């Protein structure tokens, strides 16, 4: 599927979701990993700092570190 999309000049961003879940310890955080990937690719007009600030404002503080790791995951792997 990826090769087909690339052959049609569609921009494809792939994320090894199983590895991300294993590394971060939770499948619940995968959406934040995908958001980080979209930001890292430049397709969103947001920065990681924008998202981190929103997380700080909206997410229970005990989950801040995990969300922060998820946002940074793609850059690290």
PDB file of N, CA and C in Angstrom:
ATOM      1  N   UNK A   1       0.823  -1.187   0.000  1.00  0.00           N
ATOM      2  CA  UNK A   1       0.000   0.000   0.000  1.00  0.00           C
ATOM      3  C   UNK A   1       0.871   1.258   0.000  1.00  0.00           C
ATOM      4  N   UNK A   2       1.902   1.274   0.833  1.00  0.00           N
ATOM      5  CA  UNK A   2       2.782   2.438   0.914  1.00  0.00           C
ATOM      6  C   UNK A   2       3.447   2.692  -0.433  1.00  0.00           C
ATOM      7  N   UNK A   3       3.959   1.643  -1.048  1.00  0.00           N
ATOM      8  CA  UNK A   3       4.613   1.798  -2.353  1.00  0.00           C
ATOM      9  C   UNK A   3       3.637   2.324  -3.404  1.00  0.00           C
ATOM     10  N   UNK A   4       2.417   1.822  -3.369  1.00  0.00           N
ATOM     11  CA  UNK A   4       1.402   2.290  -4.317  1.00  0.00           C
ATOM     12  C   UNK A   4       1.150   3.784  -4.128  1.00  0.00           C
ATOM     13  N   UNK A   5       0.950   4.204  -2.892  1.00  0.00           N
ATOM     14  CA  UNK A   5       0.689   5.621  -2.633  1.00  0.00           C
ATOM     15  C   UNK A   5       1.870   6.494  -3.055  1.00  0.00           C
ATOM     16  N   UNK A   6       3.074   6.034  -2.752  1.00  0.00           N
ATOM     17  CA  UNK A   6       4.262   6.792  -3.165  1.00  0.00           C
ATOM     18  C   UNK A   6       4.350   6.886  -4.686  1.00  0.00           C
ATOM     19  N   UNK A   7       3.955   5.817  -5.381  1.00  0.00           N
ATOM     20  CA  UNK A   7       3.996   5.832  -6.850  1.00  0.00           C
ATOM     21  C   UNK A   7       3.007   6.839  -7.429  1.00  0.00           C
ATOM     22  N   UNK A   8       2.015   7.202  -6.658  1.00  0.00           N
ATOM     23  CA  UNK A   8       1.011   8.188  -7.078  1.00  0.00           C
ATOM     24  C   UNK A   8       1.361   9.588  -6.579  1.00  0.00           C
ATOM     25  N   UNK A   9       2.601   9.743  -6.097  1.00  0.00           N
ATOM     26  CA  UNK A   9       3.094  11.021  -5.573  1.00  0.00           C
ATOM     27  C   UNK A   9       2.300  11.523  -4.368  1.00  0.00           C
ATOM     28  N   UNK A  10       1.834  10.587  -3.567  1.00  0.00           N
ATOM     29  CA  UNK A  10       1.168  10.922  -2.317  1.00  0.00           C
ATOM     30  C   UNK A  10       2.218  10.894  -1.219  1.00  0.00           C
ATOM     31  N   UNK A  11       2.250  11.927  -0.408  1.00  0.00           N
ATOM     32  CA  UNK A  11       3.210  11.960   0.699  1.00  0.00           C
ATOM     33  C   UNK A  11       2.767  10.963   1.767  1.00  0.00           C
ATOM     34  N   UNK A  12       3.664  10.077   2.137  1.00  0.00           N
ATOM     35  CA  UNK A  12       3.351   9.021   3.094  1.00  0.00           C
ATOM     36  C   UNK A  12       4.260   9.161   4.308  1.00  0.00           C
ATOM     37  N   UNK A  13       3.645   9.165   5.467  1.00  0.00           N
ATOM     38  CA  UNK A  13       4.384   9.172   6.730  1.00  0.00           C
ATOM     39  C   UNK A  13       4.068   7.852   7.416  1.00  0.00           C
ATOM     40  N   UNK A  14       5.086   7.074   7.696  1.00  0.00           N
ATOM     41  CA  UNK A  14       4.853   5.798   8.364  1.00  0.00           C
ATOM     42  C   UNK A  14       5.376   5.858   9.793  1.00  0.00           C
ATOM     43  N   UNK A  15       4.658   5.185  10.667  1.00  0.00           N
ATOM     44  CA  UNK A  15       5.031   5.096  12.077  1.00  0.00           C
ATOM     45  C   UNK A  15       4.921   3.634  12.484  1.00  0.00           C
ATOM     46  N   UNK A  16       5.952   3.105  13.085  1.00  0.00           N
ATOM     47  CA  UNK A  16       5.917   1.738  13.605  1.00  0.00           C
ATOM     48  C   UNK A  16       5.151   1.772  14.924  1.00  0.00           C
ATOM     49  N   UNK A  17       3.847   1.590  14.826  1.00  0.00           N
ATOM     50  CA  UNK A  17       2.987   1.737  16.002  1.00  0.00           C
ATOM     51  C   UNK A  17       3.270   0.682  17.065  1.00  0.00           C
ATOM     52  N   UNK A  18       3.583  -0.530  16.662  1.00  0.00           N
ATOM     53  CA  UNK A  18       3.890  -1.568  17.652  1.00  0.00           C
ATOM     54  C   UNK A  18       5.122  -1.198  18.461  1.00  0.00           C
ATOM     55  N   UNK A  19       6.140  -0.652  17.789  1.00  0.00           N
ATOM     56  CA  UNK A  19       7.358  -0.240  18.484  1.00  0.00           C
ATOM     57  C   UNK A  19       7.071   0.939  19.412  1.00  0.00           C
ATOM     58  N   UNK A  20       6.296   1.888  18.933  1.00  0.00           N
ATOM     59  CA  UNK A  20       5.956   3.051  19.758  1.00  0.00           C
ATOM     60  C   UNK A  20       5.205   2.621  21.015  1.00  0.00           C
ATOM     61  N   UNK A  21       4.241   1.733  20.853  1.00  0.00           N
ATOM     62  CA  UNK A  21       3.477   1.241  22.004  1.00  0.00           C
ATOM     63  C   UNK A  21       4.396   0.508  22.968  1.00  0.00           C
ATOM     64  N   UNK A  22       5.263  -0.328  22.436  1.00  0.00           N
ATOM     65  CA  UNK A  22       6.203  -1.064  23.282  1.00  0.00           C
ATOM     66  C   UNK A  22       7.152  -0.115  24.012  1.00  0.00           C
ATOM     67  N   UNK A  23       7.696   0.854  23.288  1.00  0.00           N
ATOM     68  CA  UNK A  23       8.650   1.789  23.889  1.00  0.00           C
ATOM     69  C   UNK A  23       8.009   2.692  24.938  1.00  0.00           C
ATOM     70  N   UNK A  24       6.780   3.129  24.675  1.00  0.00           N
ATOM     71  CA  UNK A  24       6.120   4.070  25.581  1.00  0.00           C
ATOM     72  C   UNK A  24       5.263   3.380  26.637  1.00  0.00           C
ATOM     73  N   UNK A  25       4.926   2.121  26.395  1.00  0.00           N
ATOM     74  CA  UNK A  25       4.209   1.346  27.401  1.00  0.00           C
ATOM     75  C   UNK A  25       2.703   1.480  27.399  1.00  0.00           C
ATOM     76  N   UNK A  26       2.138   2.121  26.370  1.00  0.00           N
ATOM     77  CA  UNK A  26       0.686   2.275  26.343  1.00  0.00           C
ATOM     78  C   UNK A  26       0.199   2.528  24.921  1.00  0.00           C
ATOM     79  N   UNK A  27      -0.845   1.811  24.540  1.00  0.00           N
ATOM     80  CA  UNK A  27      -1.469   2.051  23.239  1.00  0.00           C
ATOM     81  C   UNK A  27      -2.296   3.333  23.265  1.00  0.00           C
ATOM     82  N   UNK A  28      -2.700   3.755  24.450  1.00  0.00           N
ATOM     83  CA  UNK A  28      -3.543   4.945  24.578  1.00  0.00           C
ATOM     84  C   UNK A  28      -2.830   6.216  24.131  1.00  0.00           C
ATOM     85  N   UNK A  29      -1.522   6.188  24.080  1.00  0.00           N
ATOM     86  CA  UNK A  29      -0.740   7.377  23.753  1.00  0.00           C
ATOM     87  C   UNK A  29      -0.399   7.456  22.263  1.00  0.00           C
ATOM     88  N   UNK A  30      -0.789   6.455  21.491  1.00  0.00           N
ATOM     89  CA  UNK A  30      -0.413   6.394  20.078  1.00  0.00           C
ATOM     90  C   UNK A  30      -0.911   7.608  19.291  1.00  0.00           C
ATOM     91  N   UNK A  31      -2.088   8.113  19.613  1.00  0.00           N
ATOM     92  CA  UNK A  31      -2.585   9.287  18.888  1.00  0.00           C
ATOM     93  C   UNK A  31      -1.656  10.483  19.063  1.00  0.00           C
ATOM     94  N   UNK A  32      -1.025  10.608  20.212  1.00  0.00           N
ATOM     95  CA  UNK A  32      -0.095  11.710  20.446  1.00  0.00           C
ATOM     96  C   UNK A  32       1.197  11.478  19.659  1.00  0.00           C
ATOM     97  N   UNK A  33       1.620  10.228  19.546  1.00  0.00           N
ATOM     98  CA  UNK A  33       2.781   9.896  18.709  1.00  0.00           C
ATOM     99  C   UNK A  33       2.494  10.310  17.261  1.00  0.00           C
ATOM    100  N   UNK A  34       1.308   9.993  16.772  1.00  0.00           N
ATOM    101  CA  UNK A  34       0.940  10.342  15.396  1.00  0.00           C
ATOM    102  C   UNK A  34       0.872  11.857  15.209  1.00  0.00           C
ATOM    103  N   UNK A  35       0.383  12.560  16.209  1.00  0.00           N
ATOM    104  CA  UNK A  35       0.376  14.020  16.161  1.00  0.00           C
ATOM    105  C   UNK A  35       1.805  14.550  16.084  1.00  0.00           C
ATOM    106  N   UNK A  36       2.689  13.988  16.885  1.00  0.00           N
ATOM    107  CA  UNK A  36       4.099  14.375  16.837  1.00  0.00           C
ATOM    108  C   UNK A  36       4.718  14.115  15.472  1.00  0.00           C
ATOM    109  N   UNK A  37       4.346  12.998  14.857  1.00  0.00           N
ATOM    110  CA  UNK A  37       4.857  12.677  13.516  1.00  0.00           C
ATOM    111  C   UNK A  37       4.368  13.696  12.493  1.00  0.00           C
ATOM    112  N   UNK A  38       3.110  14.074  12.597  1.00  0.00           N
ATOM    113  CA  UNK A  38       2.564  15.071  11.673  1.00  0.00           C
ATOM    114  C   UNK A  38       3.267  16.414  11.842  1.00  0.00           C
ATOM    115  N   UNK A  39       3.529  16.793  13.075  1.00  0.00           N
ATOM    116  CA  UNK A  39       4.241  18.047  13.330  1.00  0.00           C
ATOM    117  C   UNK A  39       5.667  17.955  12.804  1.00  0.00           C
ATOM    118  N   UNK A  40       6.339  16.859  13.091  1.00  0.00           N
ATOM    119  CA  UNK A  40       7.731  16.664  12.652  1.00  0.00           C
ATOM    120  C   UNK A  40       7.847  16.721  11.126  1.00  0.00           C
ATOM    121  N   UNK A  41       6.828  16.245  10.428  1.00  0.00           N
ATOM    122  CA  UNK A  41       6.856  16.232   8.962  1.00  0.00           C
ATOM    123  C   UNK A  41       6.627  17.612   8.358  1.00  0.00           C
ATOM    124  N   UNK A  42       6.087  18.514   9.150  1.00  0.00           N
ATOM    125  CA  UNK A  42       5.822  19.862   8.660  1.00  0.00           C
ATOM    126  C   UNK A  42       4.465  20.046   8.008  1.00  0.00           C
ATOM    127  N   UNK A  43       3.597  19.036   8.065  1.00  0.00           N
ATOM    128  CA  UNK A  43       2.294  19.171   7.407  1.00  0.00           C
ATOM    129  C   UNK A  43       1.280  19.945   8.242  1.00  0.00           C
ATOM    130  N   UNK A  44       1.577  20.160   9.511  1.00  0.00           N
ATOM    131  CA  UNK A  44       0.697  20.955  10.370  1.00  0.00           C
ATOM    132  C   UNK A  44       1.349  22.295  10.666  1.00  0.00           C
ATOM    133  N   UNK A  45       0.539  23.303  10.769  1.00  0.00           N
ATOM    134  CA  UNK A  45       1.044  24.632  11.099  1.00  0.00           C
ATOM    135  C   UNK A  45       1.061  24.808  12.621  1.00  0.00           C
ATOM    136  N   UNK A  46       1.681  23.846  13.288  1.00  0.00           N
ATOM    137  CA  UNK A  46       1.823  23.847  14.744  1.00  0.00           C
ATOM    138  C   UNK A  46       3.248  23.450  15.073  1.00  0.00           C
ATOM    139  N   UNK A  47       3.671  23.805  16.273  1.00  0.00           N
ATOM    140  CA  UNK A  47       4.972  23.345  16.747  1.00  0.00           C
ATOM    141  C   UNK A  47       4.751  22.362  17.886  1.00  0.00           C
ATOM    142  N   UNK A  48       5.784  21.625  18.193  1.00  0.00           N
ATOM    143  CA  UNK A  48       5.694  20.715  19.332  1.00  0.00           C
ATOM    144  C   UNK A  48       5.477  21.503  20.615  1.00  0.00           C
ATOM    145  N   UNK A  49       6.056  22.689  20.701  1.00  0.00           N
ATOM    146  CA  UNK A  49       5.839  23.525  21.886  1.00  0.00           C
ATOM    147  C   UNK A  49       4.379  23.945  22.016  1.00  0.00           C
ATOM    148  N   UNK A  50       3.699  24.212  20.889  1.00  0.00           N
ATOM    149  CA  UNK A  50       2.267  24.527  20.923  1.00  0.00           C
ATOM    150  C   UNK A  50       1.491  23.374  21.552  1.00  0.00           C
ATOM    151  N   UNK A  51       1.794  22.165  21.111  1.00  0.00           N
ATOM    152  CA  UNK A  51       1.086  20.985  21.609  1.00  0.00           C
ATOM    153  C   UNK A  51       1.422  20.733  23.073  1.00  0.00           C
ATOM    154  N   UNK A  52       2.692  20.885  23.433  1.00  0.00           N
ATOM    155  CA  UNK A  52       3.091  20.676  24.829  1.00  0.00           C
ATOM    156  C   UNK A  52       2.376  21.654  25.752  1.00  0.00           C
ATOM    157  N   UNK A  53       2.210  22.884  25.310  1.00  0.00           N
ATOM    158  CA  UNK A  53       1.497  23.877  26.114  1.00  0.00           C
ATOM    159  C   UNK A  53       0.030  23.484  26.274  1.00  0.00           C
ATOM    160  N   UNK A  54      -0.587  23.025  25.192  1.00  0.00           N
ATOM    161  CA  UNK A  54      -1.980  22.576  25.259  1.00  0.00           C
ATOM    162  C   UNK A  54      -2.115  21.368  26.182  1.00  0.00           C
ATOM    163  N   UNK A  55      -1.168  20.454  26.114  1.00  0.00           N
ATOM    164  CA  UNK A  55      -1.192  19.281  26.992  1.00  0.00           C
ATOM    165  C   UNK A  55      -1.088  19.723  28.445  1.00  0.00           C
ATOM    166  N   UNK A  56      -0.200  20.663  28.704  1.00  0.00           N
ATOM    167  CA  UNK A  56      -0.013  21.158  30.071  1.00  0.00           C
ATOM    168  C   UNK A  56      -1.304  21.773  30.610  1.00  0.00           C
ATOM    169  N   UNK A  57      -2.047  22.462  29.733  1.00  0.00           N
ATOM    170  CA  UNK A  57      -3.285  23.123  30.135  1.00  0.00           C
ATOM    171  C   UNK A  57      -4.460  22.156  30.279  1.00  0.00           C
ATOM    172  N   UNK A  58      -4.497  21.103  29.463  1.00  0.00           N
ATOM    173  CA  UNK A  58      -5.703  20.275  29.364  1.00  0.00           C
ATOM    174  C   UNK A  58      -5.601  18.873  29.949  1.00  0.00           C
ATOM    175  N   UNK A  59      -4.389  18.350  30.089  1.00  0.00           N
ATOM    176  CA  UNK A  59      -4.216  16.950  30.489  1.00  0.00           C
ATOM    177  C   UNK A  59      -3.821  16.876  31.958  1.00  0.00           C
ATOM    178  N   UNK A  60      -4.313  15.851  32.620  1.00  0.00           N
ATOM    179  CA  UNK A  60      -3.949  15.610  34.018  1.00  0.00           C
ATOM    180  C   UNK A  60      -2.426  15.636  34.148  1.00  0.00           C
ATOM    181  N   UNK A  61      -1.892  16.389  35.110  1.00  0.00           N
ATOM    182  CA  UNK A  61      -0.434  16.511  35.260  1.00  0.00           C
ATOM    183  C   UNK A  61       0.316  15.181  35.357  1.00  0.00           C
ATOM    184  N   UNK A  62      -0.319  14.156  35.892  1.00  0.00           N
ATOM    185  CA  UNK A  62       0.389  12.878  36.017  1.00  0.00           C
ATOM    186  C   UNK A  62       0.667  12.235  34.655  1.00  0.00           C
ATOM    187  N   UNK A  63      -0.011  12.703  33.607  1.00  0.00           N
ATOM    188  CA  UNK A  63       0.205  12.168  32.264  1.00  0.00           C
ATOM    189  C   UNK A  63       1.063  13.081  31.392  1.00  0.00           C
ATOM    190  N   UNK A  64       1.530  14.205  31.935  1.00  0.00           N
ATOM    191  CA  UNK A  64       2.298  15.158  31.130  1.00  0.00           C
ATOM    192  C   UNK A  64       3.576  14.532  30.576  1.00  0.00           C
ATOM    193  N   UNK A  65       4.348  13.866  31.414  1.00  0.00           N
ATOM    194  CA  UNK A  65       5.624  13.302  30.953  1.00  0.00           C
ATOM    195  C   UNK A  65       5.430  12.283  29.834  1.00  0.00           C
ATOM    196  N   UNK A  66       4.433  11.419  29.969  1.00  0.00           N
ATOM    197  CA  UNK A  66       4.172  10.418  28.933  1.00  0.00           C
ATOM    198  C   UNK A  66       3.773  11.093  27.621  1.00  0.00           C
ATOM    199  N   UNK A  67       2.912  12.098  27.702  1.00  0.00           N
ATOM    200  CA  UNK A  67       2.511  12.823  26.500  1.00  0.00           C
ATOM    201  C   UNK A  67       3.691  13.556  25.877  1.00  0.00           C
ATOM    202  N   UNK A  68       4.544  14.121  26.698  1.00  0.00           N
ATOM    203  CA  UNK A  68       5.736  14.808  26.206  1.00  0.00           C
ATOM    204  C   UNK A  68       6.662  13.822  25.486  1.00  0.00           C
ATOM    205  N   UNK A  69       6.840  12.647  26.048  1.00  0.00           N
ATOM    206  CA  UNK A  69       7.653  11.610  25.397  1.00  0.00           C
ATOM    207  C   UNK A  69       7.039  11.212  24.056  1.00  0.00           C
ATOM    208  N   UNK A  70       5.716  11.124  24.024  1.00  0.00           N
ATOM    209  CA  UNK A  70       5.029  10.730  22.791  1.00  0.00           C
ATOM    210  C   UNK A  70       5.199  11.787  21.701  1.00  0.00           C
ATOM    211  N   UNK A  71       5.107  13.061  22.064  1.00  0.00           N
ATOM    212  CA  UNK A  71       5.293  14.140  21.088  1.00  0.00           C
ATOM    213  C   UNK A  71       6.701  14.091  20.502  1.00  0.00           C
ATOM    214  N   UNK A  72       7.682  13.786  21.326  1.00  0.00           N
ATOM    215  CA  UNK A  72       9.079  13.767  20.890  1.00  0.00           C
ATOM    216  C   UNK A  72       9.507  12.426  20.290  1.00  0.00           C
ATOM    217  N   UNK A  73       8.653  11.423  20.330  1.00  0.00           N
ATOM    218  CA  UNK A  73       9.022  10.058  19.969  1.00  0.00           C
ATOM    219  C   UNK A  73       9.611   9.940  18.563  1.00  0.00           C
ATOM    220  N   UNK A  74       8.981  10.537  17.579  1.00  0.00           N
ATOM    221  CA  UNK A  74       9.420  10.377  16.187  1.00  0.00           C
ATOM    222  C   UNK A  74      10.808  10.966  15.976  1.00  0.00           C
ATOM    223  N   UNK A  75      11.097  12.088  16.589  1.00  0.00           N
ATOM    224  CA  UNK A  75      12.422  12.694  16.450  1.00  0.00           C
ATOM    225  C   UNK A  75      13.491  11.788  17.043  1.00  0.00           C
ATOM    226  N   UNK A  76      13.138  11.058  18.087  1.00  0.00           N
ATOM    227  CA  UNK A  76      14.099  10.216  18.786  1.00  0.00           C
ATOM    228  C   UNK A  76      14.305   8.872  18.107  1.00  0.00           C
ATOM    229  N   UNK A  77      13.366   8.442  17.282  1.00  0.00           N
ATOM    230  CA  UNK A  77      13.435   7.104  16.673  1.00  0.00           C
ATOM    231  C   UNK A  77      13.478   7.150  15.168  1.00  0.00           C
TER     232      UNK A  77
END
